[in-house]
């Protein structure tokens, strides 16, 4: 059986999407994240599905032998907060940094933060960079 993810990369305008966010704090936080991720990745952001901003690309084969492409890192402004995607989360060995991050929730490769003022931005930057570096080691780069 062939399975196609609904979350696909597209050519939607990232800035237009972020400017459409009504919550002013979430919009401001999203632009801060956009700048942070852009500097760390050295890549231009791309939209994934309707609301995820992703950076770089890697190809994978799942346990069920499905093949696909996914972003190496990214974020999404959600109703519950800011979702930050760190793909190799369990391989990072960075639990000590999480203790310094302060307020967050974690689900697999997704870190959720209500607002950036709840966390230490320098710690978040270290986490994103470490995740991106691990992805560089594990998967050959494929530019968007």
N, C-alpha and C. Protein backbone atom coordinates (compact mmCIF):
# COMPACT_ATOMS: atom_id res chain seq x y z
N UNK A 1 0.84 -1.19 0.00
CA UNK A 1 0.00 0.00 0.00
C UNK A 1 0.88 1.25 0.00
N UNK A 2 0.58 2.19 -0.84
CA UNK A 2 1.31 3.44 -0.91
C UNK A 2 0.57 4.47 -0.06
N UNK A 3 1.33 5.14 0.80
CA UNK A 3 0.75 6.16 1.66
C UNK A 3 1.41 7.50 1.34
N UNK A 4 0.60 8.52 1.12
CA UNK A 4 1.12 9.86 0.86
C UNK A 4 0.77 10.76 2.04
N UNK A 5 1.79 11.38 2.61
CA UNK A 5 1.56 12.31 3.71
C UNK A 5 0.76 13.52 3.23
N UNK A 6 -0.16 13.99 4.07
CA UNK A 6 -0.89 15.20 3.70
C UNK A 6 -0.01 16.44 3.88
N UNK A 7 1.02 16.33 4.71
CA UNK A 7 1.92 17.43 4.94
C UNK A 7 3.01 17.41 3.88
N UNK A 8 2.81 18.21 2.85
CA UNK A 8 3.74 18.28 1.71
C UNK A 8 4.33 19.68 1.62
N UNK A 9 5.54 19.75 1.12
CA UNK A 9 6.19 21.04 0.88
C UNK A 9 5.45 21.75 -0.26
N UNK A 10 5.37 23.09 -0.16
CA UNK A 10 4.68 23.84 -1.21
C UNK A 10 5.32 25.22 -1.36
N UNK A 11 4.83 25.99 -2.30
CA UNK A 11 5.41 27.30 -2.59
C UNK A 11 4.64 28.46 -1.96
N UNK A 12 3.84 28.19 -0.95
CA UNK A 12 3.13 29.28 -0.27
C UNK A 12 4.12 30.26 0.34
N UNK A 13 3.71 31.50 0.49
CA UNK A 13 4.57 32.56 1.01
C UNK A 13 4.64 32.50 2.54
N UNK A 14 5.83 32.26 3.08
CA UNK A 14 6.04 32.14 4.52
C UNK A 14 5.69 33.44 5.23
N UNK A 15 6.18 34.57 4.72
CA UNK A 15 5.89 35.86 5.37
C UNK A 15 4.40 36.19 5.35
N UNK A 16 3.74 35.90 4.26
CA UNK A 16 2.29 36.16 4.19
C UNK A 16 1.56 35.30 5.23
N UNK A 17 1.99 34.04 5.36
CA UNK A 17 1.37 33.18 6.37
C UNK A 17 1.58 33.76 7.77
N UNK A 18 2.82 34.12 8.10
CA UNK A 18 3.10 34.64 9.44
C UNK A 18 2.37 35.97 9.68
N UNK A 19 2.28 36.80 8.67
CA UNK A 19 1.56 38.08 8.82
C UNK A 19 0.06 37.89 8.99
N UNK A 20 -0.45 36.73 8.63
CA UNK A 20 -1.89 36.46 8.78
C UNK A 20 -2.26 36.00 10.19
N UNK A 21 -1.28 35.76 11.04
CA UNK A 21 -1.55 35.33 12.42
C UNK A 21 -2.17 36.49 13.18
N UNK A 22 -3.32 36.27 13.77
CA UNK A 22 -4.04 37.34 14.46
C UNK A 22 -3.48 37.65 15.84
N UNK A 23 -3.04 36.64 16.55
CA UNK A 23 -2.47 36.82 17.89
C UNK A 23 -1.11 37.52 17.73
N UNK A 24 -1.03 38.77 18.20
CA UNK A 24 0.17 39.59 17.99
C UNK A 24 1.42 38.99 18.65
N UNK A 25 1.27 38.42 19.85
CA UNK A 25 2.41 37.80 20.52
C UNK A 25 2.91 36.59 19.74
N UNK A 26 1.99 35.78 19.27
CA UNK A 26 2.36 34.59 18.49
C UNK A 26 3.02 34.99 17.17
N UNK A 27 2.50 36.05 16.56
CA UNK A 27 3.09 36.54 15.31
C UNK A 27 4.52 37.02 15.56
N UNK A 28 4.72 37.84 16.59
CA UNK A 28 6.06 38.34 16.91
C UNK A 28 7.01 37.18 17.23
N UNK A 29 6.56 36.24 18.04
CA UNK A 29 7.38 35.06 18.38
C UNK A 29 7.73 34.26 17.13
N UNK A 30 6.79 34.15 16.22
CA UNK A 30 7.02 33.38 14.99
C UNK A 30 8.08 34.03 14.12
N UNK A 31 8.09 35.35 14.05
CA UNK A 31 9.13 36.02 13.27
C UNK A 31 10.50 35.89 13.94
N UNK A 32 10.53 35.86 15.25
CA UNK A 32 11.79 35.62 15.97
C UNK A 32 12.30 34.21 15.65
N UNK A 33 11.39 33.22 15.68
CA UNK A 33 11.78 31.85 15.34
C UNK A 33 12.24 31.74 13.89
N UNK A 34 11.53 32.43 12.99
CA UNK A 34 11.91 32.42 11.58
C UNK A 34 13.36 32.89 11.42
N UNK A 35 13.71 33.97 12.09
CA UNK A 35 15.07 34.49 12.02
C UNK A 35 16.07 33.49 12.62
N UNK A 36 15.73 32.92 13.76
CA UNK A 36 16.61 31.97 14.43
C UNK A 36 16.86 30.73 13.56
N UNK A 37 15.80 30.13 13.05
CA UNK A 37 15.93 28.94 12.22
C UNK A 37 16.69 29.24 10.92
N UNK A 38 16.43 30.41 10.33
CA UNK A 38 17.12 30.78 9.09
C UNK A 38 18.62 30.91 9.31
N UNK A 39 19.00 31.54 10.41
CA UNK A 39 20.43 31.70 10.72
C UNK A 39 21.09 30.35 10.99
N UNK A 40 20.43 29.50 11.75
CA UNK A 40 21.00 28.19 12.11
C UNK A 40 21.13 27.30 10.88
N UNK A 41 20.09 27.26 10.05
CA UNK A 41 20.08 26.34 8.91
C UNK A 41 20.83 26.89 7.70
N UNK A 42 20.91 28.21 7.59
CA UNK A 42 21.51 28.80 6.40
C UNK A 42 20.66 28.62 5.17
N UNK A 43 19.41 28.32 5.36
CA UNK A 43 18.50 28.00 4.26
C UNK A 43 17.26 28.89 4.33
N UNK A 44 16.65 29.13 3.18
CA UNK A 44 15.38 29.86 3.13
C UNK A 44 14.27 28.93 3.60
N UNK A 45 13.29 29.48 4.32
CA UNK A 45 12.18 28.66 4.80
C UNK A 45 11.24 28.27 3.67
N UNK A 46 10.58 27.16 3.86
CA UNK A 46 9.54 26.71 2.93
C UNK A 46 8.32 26.30 3.75
N UNK A 47 7.15 26.50 3.18
CA UNK A 47 5.91 26.07 3.82
C UNK A 47 5.71 24.58 3.59
N UNK A 48 5.24 23.92 4.62
CA UNK A 48 4.84 22.52 4.57
C UNK A 48 3.37 22.50 4.97
N UNK A 49 2.55 21.88 4.14
CA UNK A 49 1.12 21.87 4.36
C UNK A 49 0.64 23.30 4.45
N UNK A 50 -0.22 23.63 5.38
CA UNK A 50 -0.75 25.00 5.43
C UNK A 50 -0.15 25.85 6.54
N UNK A 51 0.59 25.21 7.49
CA UNK A 51 0.98 25.99 8.66
C UNK A 51 2.33 25.63 9.28
N UNK A 52 3.16 24.86 8.59
CA UNK A 52 4.46 24.49 9.13
C UNK A 52 5.54 25.15 8.27
N UNK A 53 6.53 25.74 8.94
CA UNK A 53 7.66 26.35 8.25
C UNK A 53 8.85 25.42 8.45
N UNK A 54 9.38 24.90 7.35
CA UNK A 54 10.46 23.93 7.43
C UNK A 54 11.73 24.40 6.76
N UNK A 55 12.83 23.79 7.17
CA UNK A 55 14.15 24.12 6.65
C UNK A 55 14.88 22.86 6.24
N UNK A 56 15.48 22.90 5.08
CA UNK A 56 16.19 21.79 4.47
C UNK A 56 15.27 20.59 4.32
N UNK A 57 15.84 19.53 3.86
CA UNK A 57 15.05 18.37 3.46
C UNK A 57 15.89 17.12 3.66
N UNK A 58 15.27 16.03 4.04
CA UNK A 58 15.97 14.75 4.04
C UNK A 58 15.03 13.66 3.58
N UNK A 59 15.60 12.62 3.01
CA UNK A 59 14.82 11.47 2.55
C UNK A 59 14.93 10.36 3.59
N UNK A 60 13.84 9.68 3.82
CA UNK A 60 13.83 8.63 4.84
C UNK A 60 13.10 7.40 4.32
N UNK A 61 13.32 6.30 5.02
CA UNK A 61 12.57 5.07 4.81
C UNK A 61 12.04 4.68 6.19
N UNK A 62 10.72 4.59 6.33
CA UNK A 62 10.12 4.28 7.62
C UNK A 62 10.23 2.78 7.93
N UNK A 63 9.88 2.42 9.16
CA UNK A 63 9.90 1.01 9.57
C UNK A 63 9.01 0.15 8.68
N UNK A 64 7.94 0.76 8.17
CA UNK A 64 7.03 0.02 7.28
C UNK A 64 7.46 0.12 5.83
N UNK A 65 8.68 0.60 5.59
CA UNK A 65 9.31 0.69 4.27
C UNK A 65 8.70 1.77 3.37
N UNK A 66 7.99 2.72 3.95
CA UNK A 66 7.50 3.86 3.17
C UNK A 66 8.67 4.82 2.99
N UNK A 67 8.78 5.37 1.81
CA UNK A 67 9.84 6.31 1.48
C UNK A 67 9.24 7.71 1.38
N UNK A 68 9.95 8.70 1.88
CA UNK A 68 9.43 10.05 1.79
C UNK A 68 10.50 11.09 2.04
N UNK A 69 10.12 12.34 1.93
CA UNK A 69 10.98 13.48 2.24
C UNK A 69 10.34 14.26 3.36
N UNK A 70 11.18 14.84 4.21
CA UNK A 70 10.67 15.62 5.34
C UNK A 70 11.66 16.73 5.64
N UNK A 71 11.22 17.74 6.36
CA UNK A 71 12.09 18.84 6.75
C UNK A 71 13.07 18.36 7.82
N UNK A 72 14.25 18.96 7.85
CA UNK A 72 15.23 18.62 8.89
C UNK A 72 14.86 19.27 10.22
N UNK A 73 14.28 20.44 10.16
CA UNK A 73 13.86 21.16 11.36
C UNK A 73 12.82 22.19 10.93
N UNK A 74 12.09 22.72 11.88
CA UNK A 74 11.09 23.72 11.54
C UNK A 74 10.21 24.06 12.74
N UNK A 75 9.17 24.83 12.47
CA UNK A 75 8.26 25.22 13.54
C UNK A 75 6.89 25.54 12.96
N UNK A 76 5.91 25.57 13.85
CA UNK A 76 4.55 25.92 13.45
C UNK A 76 3.86 26.68 14.57
N UNK A 77 3.30 27.85 14.26
CA UNK A 77 2.49 28.55 15.26
C UNK A 77 1.12 27.86 15.33
N UNK A 78 0.81 27.30 16.46
CA UNK A 78 -0.44 26.56 16.66
C UNK A 78 -1.29 27.26 17.71
N UNK A 79 -2.54 26.84 17.80
CA UNK A 79 -3.46 27.42 18.78
C UNK A 79 -2.92 27.25 20.21
N UNK A 80 -2.37 26.06 20.50
CA UNK A 80 -1.88 25.78 21.85
C UNK A 80 -0.51 26.38 22.14
N UNK A 81 0.17 26.85 21.11
CA UNK A 81 1.50 27.42 21.30
C UNK A 81 2.35 27.27 20.06
N UNK A 82 3.64 27.38 20.24
CA UNK A 82 4.60 27.25 19.15
C UNK A 82 5.17 25.84 19.14
N UNK A 83 4.97 25.11 18.07
CA UNK A 83 5.51 23.76 17.94
C UNK A 83 6.85 23.86 17.23
N UNK A 84 7.87 23.29 17.86
CA UNK A 84 9.22 23.34 17.31
C UNK A 84 9.66 21.91 17.03
N UNK A 85 10.00 21.64 15.77
CA UNK A 85 10.30 20.29 15.33
C UNK A 85 11.81 20.05 15.30
N UNK A 86 12.25 19.15 16.17
CA UNK A 86 13.64 18.74 16.27
C UNK A 86 13.66 17.26 15.90
N UNK A 87 13.97 16.93 14.66
CA UNK A 87 13.80 15.58 14.13
C UNK A 87 14.54 14.46 14.87
N UNK A 88 15.81 14.63 15.25
CA UNK A 88 16.51 13.51 15.89
C UNK A 88 16.40 13.52 17.42
N UNK A 89 15.30 13.99 17.95
CA UNK A 89 15.20 14.31 19.37
C UNK A 89 15.80 13.25 20.29
N UNK A 90 15.46 12.01 20.12
CA UNK A 90 15.91 10.99 21.06
C UNK A 90 17.38 10.65 20.93
N UNK A 91 18.02 11.07 19.87
CA UNK A 91 19.44 10.81 19.67
C UNK A 91 20.31 11.96 20.16
N UNK A 92 19.72 12.98 20.69
CA UNK A 92 20.47 14.21 20.95
C UNK A 92 21.31 14.18 22.22
N UNK A 93 20.89 13.48 23.26
CA UNK A 93 21.61 13.52 24.52
C UNK A 93 21.66 14.92 25.11
N UNK A 94 20.59 15.67 24.95
CA UNK A 94 20.58 17.07 25.40
C UNK A 94 19.56 17.31 26.52
N UNK A 95 19.26 16.26 27.28
CA UNK A 95 18.27 16.40 28.36
C UNK A 95 18.66 17.51 29.34
N UNK A 96 19.97 17.67 29.55
CA UNK A 96 20.44 18.70 30.48
C UNK A 96 20.04 20.10 30.01
N UNK A 97 19.94 20.30 28.70
CA UNK A 97 19.50 21.60 28.20
C UNK A 97 18.01 21.82 28.44
N UNK A 98 17.25 20.74 28.34
CA UNK A 98 15.80 20.87 28.60
C UNK A 98 15.53 21.39 30.00
N UNK A 99 16.36 20.97 30.95
CA UNK A 99 16.18 21.44 32.33
C UNK A 99 16.35 22.95 32.43
N UNK A 100 17.13 23.53 31.53
CA UNK A 100 17.38 24.97 31.53
C UNK A 100 16.38 25.74 30.68
N UNK A 101 15.59 25.02 29.89
CA UNK A 101 14.66 25.68 28.97
C UNK A 101 13.48 26.31 29.69
N UNK A 102 13.01 25.75 30.77
CA UNK A 102 11.91 26.18 31.60
C UNK A 102 10.59 25.58 31.14
N UNK A 103 9.64 26.39 30.69
CA UNK A 103 8.28 25.90 30.42
C UNK A 103 8.13 25.36 29.01
N UNK A 104 7.80 24.07 28.89
CA UNK A 104 7.61 23.43 27.59
C UNK A 104 6.88 22.11 27.77
N UNK A 105 6.41 21.56 26.66
CA UNK A 105 5.88 20.20 26.60
C UNK A 105 6.59 19.52 25.44
N UNK A 106 6.80 18.22 25.54
CA UNK A 106 7.51 17.52 24.48
C UNK A 106 6.72 16.29 24.05
N UNK A 107 6.59 16.11 22.73
CA UNK A 107 5.94 14.95 22.13
C UNK A 107 6.84 14.46 21.01
N UNK A 108 7.46 13.33 21.19
CA UNK A 108 8.37 12.75 20.19
C UNK A 108 9.37 13.78 19.71
N UNK A 109 9.27 14.23 18.46
CA UNK A 109 10.22 15.20 17.91
C UNK A 109 9.69 16.63 17.97
N UNK A 110 8.66 16.86 18.76
CA UNK A 110 8.03 18.18 18.80
C UNK A 110 8.08 18.77 20.21
N UNK A 111 8.61 19.96 20.29
CA UNK A 111 8.68 20.72 21.53
C UNK A 111 7.62 21.81 21.42
N UNK A 112 6.72 21.93 22.39
CA UNK A 112 5.68 22.95 22.34
C UNK A 112 5.91 23.96 23.46
N UNK A 113 5.91 25.22 23.06
CA UNK A 113 6.14 26.33 23.97
C UNK A 113 4.97 27.29 23.83
N UNK A 114 4.41 27.73 24.92
CA UNK A 114 3.28 28.66 24.86
C UNK A 114 3.70 30.00 24.23
N UNK A 115 4.80 30.58 24.73
CA UNK A 115 5.34 31.82 24.17
C UNK A 115 6.84 31.87 24.47
N UNK A 116 7.56 32.58 23.64
CA UNK A 116 9.02 32.60 23.78
C UNK A 116 9.50 33.22 25.08
N UNK A 117 8.71 34.11 25.67
CA UNK A 117 9.11 34.70 26.95
C UNK A 117 9.09 33.69 28.09
N UNK A 118 8.51 32.51 27.87
CA UNK A 118 8.49 31.46 28.88
C UNK A 118 9.77 30.64 28.93
N UNK A 119 10.68 30.85 27.98
CA UNK A 119 11.87 30.00 27.88
C UNK A 119 13.14 30.83 27.74
N UNK A 120 14.26 30.17 27.81
CA UNK A 120 15.56 30.79 27.57
C UNK A 120 15.88 30.61 26.09
N UNK A 121 15.87 31.70 25.33
CA UNK A 121 16.08 31.63 23.88
C UNK A 121 17.47 31.11 23.50
N UNK A 122 18.48 31.39 24.31
CA UNK A 122 19.82 30.88 24.02
C UNK A 122 19.86 29.35 24.13
N UNK A 123 19.12 28.81 25.08
CA UNK A 123 19.04 27.35 25.24
C UNK A 123 18.28 26.75 24.06
N UNK A 124 17.18 27.38 23.67
CA UNK A 124 16.43 26.90 22.51
C UNK A 124 17.31 26.89 21.27
N UNK A 125 18.08 27.94 21.08
CA UNK A 125 18.97 28.02 19.92
C UNK A 125 19.98 26.86 19.93
N UNK A 126 20.52 26.53 21.09
CA UNK A 126 21.46 25.41 21.20
C UNK A 126 20.79 24.08 20.84
N UNK A 127 19.55 23.91 21.28
CA UNK A 127 18.81 22.68 20.99
C UNK A 127 18.56 22.55 19.49
N UNK A 128 18.10 23.63 18.87
CA UNK A 128 17.83 23.61 17.42
C UNK A 128 19.12 23.33 16.65
N UNK A 129 20.21 24.00 17.02
CA UNK A 129 21.49 23.81 16.33
C UNK A 129 21.97 22.37 16.48
N UNK A 130 21.89 21.82 17.67
CA UNK A 130 22.33 20.44 17.90
C UNK A 130 21.51 19.47 17.06
N UNK A 131 20.20 19.66 17.03
CA UNK A 131 19.33 18.80 16.20
C UNK A 131 19.67 18.91 14.73
N UNK A 132 19.92 20.12 14.27
CA UNK A 132 20.26 20.33 12.87
C UNK A 132 21.61 19.69 12.54
N UNK A 133 22.58 19.83 13.45
CA UNK A 133 23.90 19.22 13.24
C UNK A 133 23.82 17.70 13.17
N UNK A 134 23.00 17.10 14.02
CA UNK A 134 22.83 15.65 14.00
C UNK A 134 22.22 15.21 12.67
N UNK A 135 21.24 15.97 12.18
CA UNK A 135 20.63 15.63 10.89
C UNK A 135 21.66 15.74 9.76
N UNK A 136 22.56 16.73 9.84
CA UNK A 136 23.62 16.85 8.84
C UNK A 136 24.51 15.61 8.82
N UNK A 137 24.78 15.06 9.99
CA UNK A 137 25.63 13.88 10.08
C UNK A 137 24.93 12.63 9.54
N UNK A 138 23.64 12.50 9.80
CA UNK A 138 22.91 11.28 9.46
C UNK A 138 22.41 11.20 8.03
N UNK A 139 22.09 12.36 7.44
CA UNK A 139 21.45 12.37 6.13
C UNK A 139 22.16 13.36 5.20
N UNK A 140 22.37 12.98 3.97
CA UNK A 140 22.98 13.93 3.02
C UNK A 140 22.01 15.09 2.77
N UNK A 141 22.55 16.29 2.62
CA UNK A 141 21.70 17.46 2.38
C UNK A 141 21.09 17.44 1.00
N UNK A 142 19.88 17.97 0.95
CA UNK A 142 19.15 18.11 -0.29
C UNK A 142 18.46 19.46 -0.20
N UNK A 143 18.94 20.45 -0.90
CA UNK A 143 18.41 21.81 -0.78
C UNK A 143 16.98 21.90 -1.29
N UNK A 144 16.21 22.75 -0.64
CA UNK A 144 14.83 22.99 -1.06
C UNK A 144 14.88 23.83 -2.29
